Amino acid sequence: MADILIRKVPETTKNLLRLRAERRGKSLEADLRDTLEALAHEDAVSPDEIQPFGDWLVTISRPGVDLDDALELLRSAPIRPAALG
């Protein structure tokens, strides 16, 4: 895992984020990590930007895997024309 350090965050902002995390029942660090994860995936053009297709296929091929999340990701991805070439 990588570390990210953000400097010069106003104290008021930090306190508001801490309160937000408390309302969600999480630590400030855990809440910010989850928020950054969601933001990173929000603008992904395709599922391959999140996880390469081969890795995804191996993940969903394991016995007992719940496919609902994987299928939702595919259904929510924007439709793009096939690349010719």
Protein backbone atom coordinates (compact mmCIF):
# COMPACT_ATOMS: atom_id res chain seq x y z
CA MET A 1 0.00 0.00 0.00
CA ALA A 2 1.15 3.53 -0.72
CA ASP A 3 1.14 6.47 1.68
CA ILE A 4 -0.23 9.91 0.84
CA LEU A 5 0.60 12.97 2.93
CA ILE A 6 -1.52 16.09 2.53
CA ARG A 7 -0.09 19.22 4.10
CA LYS A 8 -1.70 22.50 5.08
CA VAL A 9 -5.26 21.22 5.59
CA PRO A 10 -7.17 23.83 7.58
CA GLU A 11 -7.90 22.75 11.15
CA THR A 12 -11.62 23.40 10.59
CA THR A 13 -11.62 21.06 7.59
CA LYS A 14 -9.82 18.37 9.56
CA ASN A 15 -12.34 18.64 12.40
CA LEU A 16 -15.28 18.44 9.99
CA LEU A 17 -13.77 15.35 8.36
CA ARG A 18 -13.19 13.77 11.78
CA LEU A 19 -16.85 14.39 12.71
CA ARG A 20 -17.97 12.93 9.38
CA ALA A 21 -15.91 9.80 10.08
CA GLU A 22 -17.39 9.51 13.58
CA ARG A 23 -20.93 9.68 12.15
CA ARG A 24 -20.02 6.81 9.85
CA GLY A 25 -18.51 4.81 12.72
CA LYS A 26 -15.00 4.91 11.25
CA SER A 27 -11.65 6.40 12.07
CA LEU A 28 -10.64 9.51 10.14
CA GLU A 29 -8.01 7.50 8.27
CA ALA A 30 -10.43 4.69 7.31
CA ASP A 31 -13.10 7.14 6.16
CA LEU A 32 -10.64 9.13 4.06
CA ARG A 33 -9.24 5.92 2.56
CA ASP A 34 -12.74 4.77 1.57
CA THR A 35 -13.57 8.21 0.16
CA LEU A 36 -10.37 8.32 -1.91
CA GLU A 37 -11.04 4.79 -3.19
CA ALA A 38 -14.55 5.78 -4.31
CA LEU A 39 -13.29 8.97 -5.97
CA ALA A 40 -10.56 7.11 -7.84
CA HIS A 41 -13.08 4.68 -9.31
CA GLU A 42 -15.73 7.31 -10.00
CA ASP A 43 -14.15 8.60 -13.22
CA ALA A 44 -12.74 5.33 -14.51
CA VAL A 45 -13.49 5.00 -18.21
CA SER A 46 -13.76 1.22 -18.11
CA PRO A 47 -13.55 -1.66 -15.66
CA ASP A 48 -10.08 -2.41 -17.09
CA GLU A 49 -8.79 0.83 -15.54
CA ILE A 50 -9.84 -0.49 -12.15
CA GLN A 51 -8.74 -4.10 -12.62
CA PRO A 52 -7.41 -5.74 -15.80
CA PHE A 53 -9.91 -8.14 -17.39
CA GLY A 54 -7.78 -11.23 -16.81
CA ASP A 55 -7.44 -10.49 -13.09
CA TRP A 56 -11.17 -9.78 -12.85
CA LEU A 57 -12.03 -13.03 -14.63
CA VAL A 58 -9.86 -15.05 -12.24
CA THR A 59 -11.48 -13.27 -9.27
CA ILE A 60 -15.06 -14.04 -10.33
CA SER A 61 -14.25 -17.61 -11.41
CA ARG A 62 -13.56 -18.80 -7.88
CA PRO A 63 -16.20 -21.07 -6.31
CA GLY A 64 -18.63 -19.32 -3.98
CA VAL A 65 -18.01 -15.81 -5.34
CA ASP A 66 -20.99 -13.43 -5.27
CA LEU A 67 -21.24 -12.07 -8.81
CA ASP A 68 -23.63 -9.19 -8.02
CA ASP A 69 -20.85 -6.59 -7.56
CA ALA A 70 -18.97 -7.74 -10.66
CA LEU A 71 -22.09 -7.65 -12.81
CA GLU A 72 -23.11 -4.24 -11.47
CA LEU A 73 -19.71 -2.85 -12.42
CA LEU A 74 -20.10 -4.14 -15.96
CA ARG A 75 -23.65 -2.86 -16.27
CA SER A 76 -22.73 0.61 -15.04
CA ALA A 77 -19.71 1.04 -17.34
CA PRO A 78 -20.23 3.42 -20.25
CA ILE A 79 -20.83 1.83 -23.63
CA ARG A 80 -17.94 2.45 -25.97
CA PRO A 81 -17.45 1.43 -29.59
CA ALA A 82 -14.99 -1.40 -30.17
CA ALA A 83 -11.53 -0.28 -31.14
CA LEU A 84 -10.63 -1.31 -34.67
CA GLY A 85 -7.14 -2.29 -35.45
